[in-house]
C-alpha atoms as a PDB file:
ATOM      1  CA  MET A   1      36.986  86.962  61.163  1.00  0.00           C
ATOM      2  CA  SER A   2      37.906  85.871  57.486  1.00  0.00           C
ATOM      3  CA  ARG A   3      35.654  85.898  54.527  1.00  0.00           C
ATOM      4  CA  ARG A   4      34.073  82.501  53.028  1.00  0.00           C
ATOM      5  CA  GLN A   5      32.443  81.674  50.566  1.00  0.00           C
ATOM      6  CA  ALA A   6      28.514  81.793  50.952  1.00  0.00           C
ATOM      7  CA  PRO A   7      26.676  78.495  51.193  1.00  0.00           C
ATOM      8  CA  ALA A   8      25.214  77.188  48.358  1.00  0.00           C
ATOM      9  CA  ASP A   9      22.054  75.597  49.491  1.00  0.00           C
ATOM     10  CA  ALA A  10      20.152  74.849  52.649  1.00  0.00           C
ATOM     11  CA  ARG A  11      22.070  71.586  53.632  1.00  0.00           C
ATOM     12  CA  GLN A  12      25.359  73.361  53.176  1.00  0.00           C
ATOM     13  CA  ALA A  13      24.345  76.133  55.205  1.00  0.00           C
ATOM     14  CA  LEU A  14      23.056  73.569  58.167  1.00  0.00           C
ATOM     15  CA  ALA A  15      26.203  71.515  57.831  1.00  0.00           C
ATOM     16  CA  ASP A  16      28.454  74.759  58.361  1.00  0.00           C
ATOM     17  CA  ALA A  17      26.741  75.334  60.967  1.00  0.00           C
ATOM     18  CA  LEU A  18      27.086  71.947  62.608  1.00  0.00           C
ATOM     19  CA  THR A  19      30.557  72.465  62.157  1.00  0.00           C
ATOM     20  CA  ALA A  20      30.857  75.769  63.896  1.00  0.00           C
ATOM     21  CA  GLU A  21      28.757  74.185  66.813  1.00  0.00           C
ATOM     22  CA  TYR A  22      31.161  71.257  67.244  1.00  0.00           C
ATOM     23  CA  ALA A  23      33.691  74.038  67.545  1.00  0.00           C
ATOM     24  CA  ALA A  24      31.789  76.250  69.936  1.00  0.00           C
ATOM     25  CA  ILE A  25      31.268  72.787  71.966  1.00  0.00           C
ATOM     26  CA  TYR A  26      34.850  72.372  72.068  1.00  0.00           C
ATOM     27  CA  ALA A  27      35.743  75.653  73.186  1.00  0.00           C
ATOM     28  CA  TYR A  28      33.885  76.150  76.180  1.00  0.00           C
ATOM     29  CA  GLY A  29      35.994  73.401  77.515  1.00  0.00           C
ATOM     30  CA  PRO A  30      38.848  75.821  77.940  1.00  0.00           C
ATOM     31  CA  ILE A  31      36.395  78.421  78.688  1.00  0.00           C
ATOM     32  CA  GLY A  32      34.827  76.646  81.662  1.00  0.00           C
ATOM     33  CA  VAL A  33      37.832  75.933  83.687  1.00  0.00           C
ATOM     34  CA  ARG A  34      39.029  79.678  83.596  1.00  0.00           C
ATOM     35  CA  LEU A  35      36.092  80.850  85.044  1.00  0.00           C
ATOM     36  CA  SER A  36      33.989  80.451  88.557  1.00  0.00           C
ATOM     37  CA  GLY A  37      30.498  81.302  90.085  1.00  0.00           C
ATOM     38  CA  ALA A  38      28.178  82.721  87.855  1.00  0.00           C
ATOM     39  CA  GLU A  39      30.372  82.890  84.717  1.00  0.00           C
ATOM     40  CA  ARG A  40      31.217  79.185  84.937  1.00  0.00           C
ATOM     41  CA  ARG A  41      27.153  78.608  85.070  1.00  0.00           C
ATOM     42  CA  GLY A  42      27.038  80.844  82.166  1.00  0.00           C
ATOM     43  CA  ALA A  43      29.860  78.689  80.281  1.00  0.00           C
ATOM     44  CA  ARG A  44      28.109  75.529  81.121  1.00  0.00           C
ATOM     45  CA  SER A  45      24.767  76.543  79.798  1.00  0.00           C
ATOM     46  CA  ALA A  46      26.111  77.662  76.590  1.00  0.00           C
ATOM     47  CA  GLU A  47      27.693  74.535  75.988  1.00  0.00           C
ATOM     48  CA  ALA A  48      24.533  72.666  76.785  1.00  0.00           C
ATOM     49  CA  ALA A  49      22.691  75.199  74.170  1.00  0.00           C
ATOM     50  CA  HIS A  50      25.210  74.365  71.423  1.00  0.00           C
ATOM     51  CA  ARG A  51      25.023  70.576  72.083  1.00  0.00           C
ATOM     52  CA  ALA A  52      21.532  70.745  72.205  1.00  0.00           C
ATOM     53  CA  ARG A  53      21.651  72.526  68.528  1.00  0.00           C
ATOM     54  CA  ARG A  54      24.188  70.105  67.591  1.00  0.00           C
ATOM     55  CA  ASP A  55      22.531  67.161  68.033  1.00  0.00           C
ATOM     56  CA  ALA A  56      19.115  68.481  66.573  1.00  0.00           C
ATOM     57  CA  LEU A  57      21.387  69.084  63.634  1.00  0.00           C
ATOM     58  CA  VAL A  58      23.144  65.836  63.460  1.00  0.00           C
ATOM     59  CA  LEU A  59      19.279  64.482  63.596  1.00  0.00           C
ATOM     60  CA  GLN A  60      18.142  66.560  60.787  1.00  0.00           C
ATOM     61  CA  LEU A  61      20.976  65.949  58.585  1.00  0.00           C
ATOM     62  CA  SER A  62      21.005  62.569  58.846  1.00  0.00           C
ATOM     63  CA  ALA A  63      17.500  61.812  58.407  1.00  0.00           C
ATOM     64  CA  ASP A  64      17.648  63.689  55.232  1.00  0.00           C
ATOM     65  CA  GLY A  65      20.241  60.712  54.371  1.00  0.00           C
ATOM     66  CA  GLY A  66      23.164  62.539  53.492  1.00  0.00           C
ATOM     67  CA  GLN A  67      26.432  62.710  55.194  1.00  0.00           C
ATOM     68  CA  VAL A  68      27.174  64.517  58.488  1.00  0.00           C
ATOM     69  CA  SER A  69      30.299  65.638  59.003  1.00  0.00           C
ATOM     70  CA  ALA A  70      32.187  64.022  62.085  1.00  0.00           C
ATOM     71  CA  ASP A  71      33.268  66.344  64.790  1.00  0.00           C
ATOM     72  CA  ARG A  72      37.248  66.738  65.073  1.00  0.00           C
ATOM     73  CA  ALA A  73      39.262  65.640  67.859  1.00  0.00           C
ATOM     74  CA  GLY A  74      40.469  68.844  68.355  1.00  0.00           C
ATOM     75  CA  TYR A  75      40.034  72.579  67.267  1.00  0.00           C
ATOM     76  CA  ALA A  76      42.739  75.336  66.974  1.00  0.00           C
ATOM     77  CA  LEU A  77      41.613  77.823  69.634  1.00  0.00           C
ATOM     78  CA  PRO A  78      42.577  81.411  68.020  1.00  0.00           C
ATOM     79  CA  PHE A  79      44.583  82.429  70.767  1.00  0.00           C
ATOM     80  CA  PRO A  80      45.791  80.981  74.312  1.00  0.00           C
ATOM     81  CA  VAL A  81      43.507  81.006  77.414  1.00  0.00           C
ATOM     82  CA  THR A  82      45.360  81.320  80.183  1.00  0.00           C
ATOM     83  CA  ASP A  83      43.473  83.571  82.878  1.00  0.00           C
ATOM     84  CA  GLN A  84      39.680  84.424  83.196  1.00  0.00           C
ATOM     85  CA  ALA A  85      40.040  87.589  80.833  1.00  0.00           C
ATOM     86  CA  GLY A  86      41.126  85.207  77.996  1.00  0.00           C
ATOM     87  CA  ALA A  87      38.393  82.715  78.705  1.00  0.00           C
ATOM     88  CA  LEU A  88      35.745  85.648  78.745  1.00  0.00           C
ATOM     89  CA  ARG A  89      37.356  87.084  75.281  1.00  0.00           C
ATOM     90  CA  LEU A  90      36.925  83.401  73.914  1.00  0.00           C
ATOM     91  CA  ALA A  91      33.629  83.110  74.833  1.00  0.00           C
ATOM     92  CA  VAL A  92      32.849  86.723  73.179  1.00  0.00           C
ATOM     93  CA  GLU A  93      34.488  85.295  69.813  1.00  0.00           C
ATOM     94  CA  ILE A  94      33.009  81.492  69.604  1.00  0.00           C
ATOM     95  CA  GLU A  95      29.510  83.371  69.916  1.00  0.00           C
ATOM     96  CA  GLU A  96      30.255  85.821  67.251  1.00  0.00           C
ATOM     97  CA  ARG A  97      31.827  82.885  64.796  1.00  0.00           C
ATOM     98  CA  THR A  98      29.033  80.988  65.500  1.00  0.00           C
ATOM     99  CA  ALA A  99      26.508  83.633  65.115  1.00  0.00           C
ATOM    100  CA  ALA A 100      28.161  84.184  61.640  1.00  0.00           C
ATOM    101  CA  PHE A 101      27.603  80.566  60.085  1.00  0.00           C
ATOM    102  CA  TRP A 102      23.809  80.683  61.442  1.00  0.00           C
ATOM    103  CA  ARG A 103      23.537  84.372  59.690  1.00  0.00           C
ATOM    104  CA  ALA A 104      24.976  83.034  56.488  1.00  0.00           C
ATOM    105  CA  ALA A 105      22.355  80.302  56.669  1.00  0.00           C
ATOM    106  CA  LEU A 106      19.158  82.948  56.746  1.00  0.00           C
ATOM    107  CA  PRO A 107      19.337  83.845  52.889  1.00  0.00           C
ATOM    108  CA  VAL A 108      19.642  79.778  51.767  1.00  0.00           C
ATOM    109  CA  THR A 109      16.918  78.529  54.244  1.00  0.00           C
ATOM    110  CA  SER A 110      12.690  78.859  54.452  1.00  0.00           C
ATOM    111  CA  GLY A 111      10.095  77.682  56.849  1.00  0.00           C
ATOM    112  CA  ALA A 112      11.760  75.656  59.639  1.00  0.00           C
ATOM    113  CA  ASP A 113      15.353  75.780  58.951  1.00  0.00           C
ATOM    114  CA  ARG A 114      15.035  79.473  58.669  1.00  0.00           C
ATOM    115  CA  THR A 115      13.592  79.794  61.772  1.00  0.00           C
ATOM    116  CA  ARG A 116      16.302  77.645  63.263  1.00  0.00           C
ATOM    117  CA  ALA A 117      19.109  79.675  61.644  1.00  0.00           C
ATOM    118  CA  LEU A 118      17.307  83.224  63.028  1.00  0.00           C
ATOM    119  CA  ASN A 119      17.052  81.615  66.746  1.00  0.00           C
ATOM    120  CA  ALA A 120      20.477  80.511  66.957  1.00  0.00           C
ATOM    121  CA  LEU A 121      22.074  83.532  65.607  1.00  0.00           C
ATOM    122  CA  THR A 122      19.688  85.578  68.109  1.00  0.00           C
ATOM    123  CA  ASP A 123      20.803  83.207  71.000  1.00  0.00           C
ATOM    124  CA  CYS A 124      24.546  83.615  70.078  1.00  0.00           C
ATOM    125  CA  ALA A 125      24.227  87.383  69.720  1.00  0.00           C
ATOM    126  CA  VAL A 126      22.311  87.532  73.148  1.00  0.00           C
ATOM    127  CA  ARG A 127      25.301  85.036  74.646  1.00  0.00           C
ATOM    128  CA  ALA A 128      28.189  87.286  73.255  1.00  0.00           C
ATOM    129  CA  THR A 129      26.289  90.503  74.658  1.00  0.00           C
ATOM    130  CA  ARG A 130      26.130  88.709  77.775  1.00  0.00           C
ATOM    131  CA  TRP A 131      29.896  88.020  77.849  1.00  0.00           C
ATOM    132  CA  ARG A 132      30.934  91.297  76.764  1.00  0.00           C
ATOM    133  CA  ARG A 133      29.575  92.651  79.560  1.00  0.00           C
ATOM    134  CA  ALA A 134      31.052  89.928  81.968  1.00  0.00           C
ATOM    135  CA  ALA A 135      34.016  90.843  80.247  1.00  0.00           C
ATOM    136  CA  GLY A 136      33.901  94.827  80.491  1.00  0.00           C
ATOM    137  CA  VAL A 137      33.835  95.166  76.777  1.00  0.00           C
ATOM    138  CA  THR A 138      32.067  98.150  75.394  1.00  0.00           C
ATOM    139  CA  PRO A 139      30.073  98.514  73.345  1.00  0.00           C
ATOM    140  CA  VAL A 140      28.505  95.387  74.763  1.00  0.00           C
ATOM    141  CA  THR A 141      26.174  94.802  71.677  1.00  0.00           C
ATOM    142  CA  ALA A 142      26.720  94.348  68.044  1.00  0.00           C
ATOM    143  CA  ALA A 143      24.359  96.299  65.808  1.00  0.00           C
ATOM    144  CA  PHE A 144      24.617  93.438  63.214  1.00  0.00           C
ATOM    145  CA  PRO A 145      25.652  90.259  65.029  1.00  0.00           C
ATOM    146  CA  GLY A 146      27.473  87.475  62.782  1.00  0.00           C
ATOM    147  CA  ARG A 147      28.500  90.204  60.180  1.00  0.00           C
ATOM    148  CA  PRO A 148      31.834  90.477  59.466  1.00  0.00           C
ATOM    149  CA  ARG A 149      33.513  93.285  61.149  1.00  0.00           C
END
């Protein structure tokens, strides 16, 4: 993951997290079609969680009277997803990337916004662990979720 500038304030951090949520939702399309059974159900659940966070962020940011960035028609995936192994690898990467945006929000948020960021970071970290386990990746956990490697 490339280094990016830290958000200047809570609003920017939440707007950045919204963009990450948009991208995660998009990525679960190609991920889900390459999975089956419990893994496909996990992909659907992950997409639903990202959609719920996206919806909450859109409502919050628009209620504050600011501009809300629109979702793009598509996002560039970091690599082609042609099989189950690629889908699982992308699922891990998407959760790690999304976690990084929520982690970046922690130092500039407080109160309910900080709680939201921490809960989202934790959710992404747990989901990334599940995807690593499904993919047979070790170690299955990350010592500092959302921190660039």
